[in-house]
Amino acid sequence: LVRLVYASKVSVNCDFKSLQSILLTSMQKNPKRGLTGVLCYDPDYFLQWLEGPVEAVHELYATILQDPRHSDSLLLDNSSIAERLFPDWAMAYLSTQAADRRLISEFTGGNSFNPMTFDAPTASKFLIKLAHSKGQPLDPVTVK
């Protein structure tokens, strides 16, 4: 198993309908590929944690690199793991819009969210805290 975490800029042609399409595709295809993870969306950025079999994770990331809804992708982590952290989530959706501003500030030093400035440990800690923060329910598109 491998964990891959990346940040990318949301391209100008990625609207809410495009985001819904990304999530729907993830929910349909990820269980078949053995992939799980979390997608964090901000109007300007994506921050995503993928976990699963090495080949499946790398194939998906190669597809993401070619996806016009993403730009300037930055690989933050690509590590072997013994077990999944998000085993029940085909793809959980988290939004920085619904996040506690103190959480954003804790990781950014302000109110502006820019995961392109994160290193691997910071990105991982942020996603874990965001996913498990009290009062931060996962969006209904979360698949178990």
Foldseek 3Di string as FASTA:
>chain_A
DKKWKKKWWFDPPCDPVNVVVVLVCLVVPLVVQQKFWEWEDENTMIIIIIDGDPVSVVVVVVVVPVDPRTPDMDTQDIGDDPDDPGNQWSYWYHYPVQDDQVLQCVLPVHNDHDCVPPHNVSSVVSVVCQPPPPPRDIPPSTGD
